[in-house]
Amino acid sequence: MVLAGCGAKETADNGQAAPEKVKLTIWHNWTGQDAKAATMRQLLEDFRAAHPEIELEDEGLPTDGLKTRLRTVAQRMKCLTCS
């Protein structure tokens, strides 16, 4: 599982700072119909219901696709920290 997030400050109608809206993106391989996949997807839905101030975007990928994406991102991050 990979989780990334960002947020931006907004101003409410009354001129005061509104609570910061945060967007989280999660990549996962819980795309099947087995009990683990169903449970994990339900946990994501429960999180959304409990935290309406957070926009949760989940992207289900096949295992090979997820592994490829993780390797690519890890290599990119490694290159960024080396320069």
C-alpha atoms as a PDB file:
ATOM      1  CA  MET A   1       0.000   0.000   0.000  1.00  0.00           C
ATOM      2  CA  VAL A   2       1.220   3.485  -0.866  1.00  0.00           C
ATOM      3  CA  LEU A   3      -0.275   6.621   0.554  1.00  0.00           C
ATOM      4  CA  ALA A   4       0.403  10.180  -0.605  1.00  0.00           C
ATOM      5  CA  GLY A   5      -1.299  13.393   0.348  1.00  0.00           C
ATOM      6  CA  CYS A   6      -1.463  17.135  -0.093  1.00  0.00           C
ATOM      7  CA  GLY A   7      -3.537  20.001   1.234  1.00  0.00           C
ATOM      8  CA  ALA A   8      -4.281  23.631   0.515  1.00  0.00           C
ATOM      9  CA  LYS A   9      -5.493  26.469   2.704  1.00  0.00           C
ATOM     10  CA  GLU A  10      -8.875  27.904   1.834  1.00  0.00           C
ATOM     11  CA  THR A  11     -10.828  30.838   3.184  1.00  0.00           C
ATOM     12  CA  ALA A  12     -14.364  30.380   4.469  1.00  0.00           C
ATOM     13  CA  ASP A  13     -17.177  32.762   3.475  1.00  0.00           C
ATOM     14  CA  ASN A  14     -16.746  34.630   6.767  1.00  0.00           C
ATOM     15  CA  GLY A  15     -13.115  35.513   5.945  1.00  0.00           C
ATOM     16  CA  GLN A  16     -11.656  33.100   8.451  1.00  0.00           C
ATOM     17  CA  ALA A  17      -9.402  30.266   7.420  1.00  0.00           C
ATOM     18  CA  ALA A  18     -11.432  27.190   6.564  1.00  0.00           C
ATOM     19  CA  PRO A  19     -10.256  23.787   7.718  1.00  0.00           C
ATOM     20  CA  GLU A  20      -7.569  22.535   5.401  1.00  0.00           C
ATOM     21  CA  LYS A  21      -8.913  20.025   2.870  1.00  0.00           C
ATOM     22  CA  VAL A  22      -6.502  17.158   2.419  1.00  0.00           C
ATOM     23  CA  LYS A  23      -6.402  14.752  -0.503  1.00  0.00           C
ATOM     24  CA  LEU A  24      -4.908  11.318   0.031  1.00  0.00           C
ATOM     25  CA  THR A  25      -4.215   8.857  -2.752  1.00  0.00           C
ATOM     26  CA  ILE A  26      -3.771   5.183  -2.040  1.00  0.00           C
ATOM     27  CA  TRP A  27      -2.562   2.569  -4.511  1.00  0.00           C
ATOM     28  CA  HIS A  28      -3.522  -0.980  -3.627  1.00  0.00           C
ATOM     29  CA  ASN A  29      -4.085  -4.427  -5.062  1.00  0.00           C
ATOM     30  CA  TRP A  30      -7.334  -5.216  -3.218  1.00  0.00           C
ATOM     31  CA  THR A  31      -9.271  -5.608  -6.447  1.00  0.00           C
ATOM     32  CA  GLY A  32     -10.478  -9.177  -6.045  1.00  0.00           C
ATOM     33  CA  GLN A  33     -13.632 -10.529  -4.463  1.00  0.00           C
ATOM     34  CA  ASP A  34     -11.909 -12.409  -1.645  1.00  0.00           C
ATOM     35  CA  ALA A  35     -12.567 -11.610   2.011  1.00  0.00           C
ATOM     36  CA  LYS A  36      -9.353  -9.594   2.475  1.00  0.00           C
ATOM     37  CA  ALA A  37     -10.069  -7.368  -0.531  1.00  0.00           C
ATOM     38  CA  ALA A  38     -13.669  -6.791   0.526  1.00  0.00           C
ATOM     39  CA  THR A  39     -12.579  -5.988   4.090  1.00  0.00           C
ATOM     40  CA  MET A  40      -9.910  -3.530   2.957  1.00  0.00           C
ATOM     41  CA  ARG A  41     -12.334  -1.745   0.629  1.00  0.00           C
ATOM     42  CA  GLN A  42     -14.848  -1.508   3.488  1.00  0.00           C
ATOM     43  CA  LEU A  43     -12.144   0.028   5.695  1.00  0.00           C
ATOM     44  CA  LEU A  44     -11.557   2.672   3.014  1.00  0.00           C
ATOM     45  CA  GLU A  45     -15.290   3.434   2.896  1.00  0.00           C
ATOM     46  CA  ASP A  46     -15.441   3.613   6.703  1.00  0.00           C
ATOM     47  CA  PHE A  47     -12.503   6.049   6.652  1.00  0.00           C
ATOM     48  CA  ARG A  48     -14.287   8.240   4.094  1.00  0.00           C
ATOM     49  CA  ALA A  49     -17.435   8.310   6.237  1.00  0.00           C
ATOM     50  CA  ALA A  50     -15.507   9.145   9.413  1.00  0.00           C
ATOM     51  CA  HIS A  51     -13.334  11.835   7.768  1.00  0.00           C
ATOM     52  CA  PRO A  52     -15.363  13.936   5.308  1.00  0.00           C
ATOM     53  CA  GLU A  53     -12.665  16.634   5.476  1.00  0.00           C
ATOM     54  CA  ILE A  54     -10.279  14.238   3.713  1.00  0.00           C
ATOM     55  CA  GLU A  55     -10.705  13.341   0.077  1.00  0.00           C
ATOM     56  CA  LEU A  56      -9.541   9.744  -0.311  1.00  0.00           C
ATOM     57  CA  GLU A  57      -8.773   8.567  -3.815  1.00  0.00           C
ATOM     58  CA  ASP A  58      -8.057   4.876  -4.110  1.00  0.00           C
ATOM     59  CA  GLU A  59      -6.648   3.235  -7.184  1.00  0.00           C
ATOM     60  CA  GLY A  60      -6.851  -0.543  -7.419  1.00  0.00           C
ATOM     61  CA  LEU A  61      -4.118  -2.109  -9.517  1.00  0.00           C
ATOM     62  CA  PRO A  62      -3.257  -5.691 -10.369  1.00  0.00           C
ATOM     63  CA  THR A  63      -0.314  -6.924  -8.289  1.00  0.00           C
ATOM     64  CA  ASP A  64       2.168  -6.736 -11.177  1.00  0.00           C
ATOM     65  CA  GLY A  65       1.038  -3.206 -12.031  1.00  0.00           C
ATOM     66  CA  LEU A  66       1.359  -2.113  -8.421  1.00  0.00           C
ATOM     67  CA  LYS A  67       4.852  -3.578  -8.114  1.00  0.00           C
ATOM     68  CA  THR A  68       5.943  -1.840 -11.326  1.00  0.00           C
ATOM     69  CA  ARG A  69       4.568   1.495 -10.153  1.00  0.00           C
ATOM     70  CA  LEU A  70       6.228   1.161  -6.754  1.00  0.00           C
ATOM     71  CA  ARG A  71       9.604   0.378  -8.352  1.00  0.00           C
ATOM     72  CA  THR A  72       9.272   3.343 -10.710  1.00  0.00           C
ATOM     73  CA  VAL A  73       8.360   5.772  -7.927  1.00  0.00           C
ATOM     74  CA  ALA A  74      11.077   4.425  -5.631  1.00  0.00           C
ATOM     75  CA  GLN A  75      13.684   4.875  -8.360  1.00  0.00           C
ATOM     76  CA  ARG A  76      12.450   8.397  -9.057  1.00  0.00           C
ATOM     77  CA  MET A  77      12.609   9.296  -5.368  1.00  0.00           C
ATOM     78  CA  LYS A  78      16.099   7.826  -5.134  1.00  0.00           C
ATOM     79  CA  CYS A  79      17.201  10.001  -8.075  1.00  0.00           C
ATOM     80  CA  LEU A  80      15.702  13.111  -6.477  1.00  0.00           C
ATOM     81  CA  THR A  81      17.560  12.553  -3.213  1.00  0.00           C
ATOM     82  CA  CYS A  82      20.872  11.885  -4.948  1.00  0.00           C
ATOM     83  CA  SER A  83      21.076  15.204  -6.784  1.00  0.00           C
END
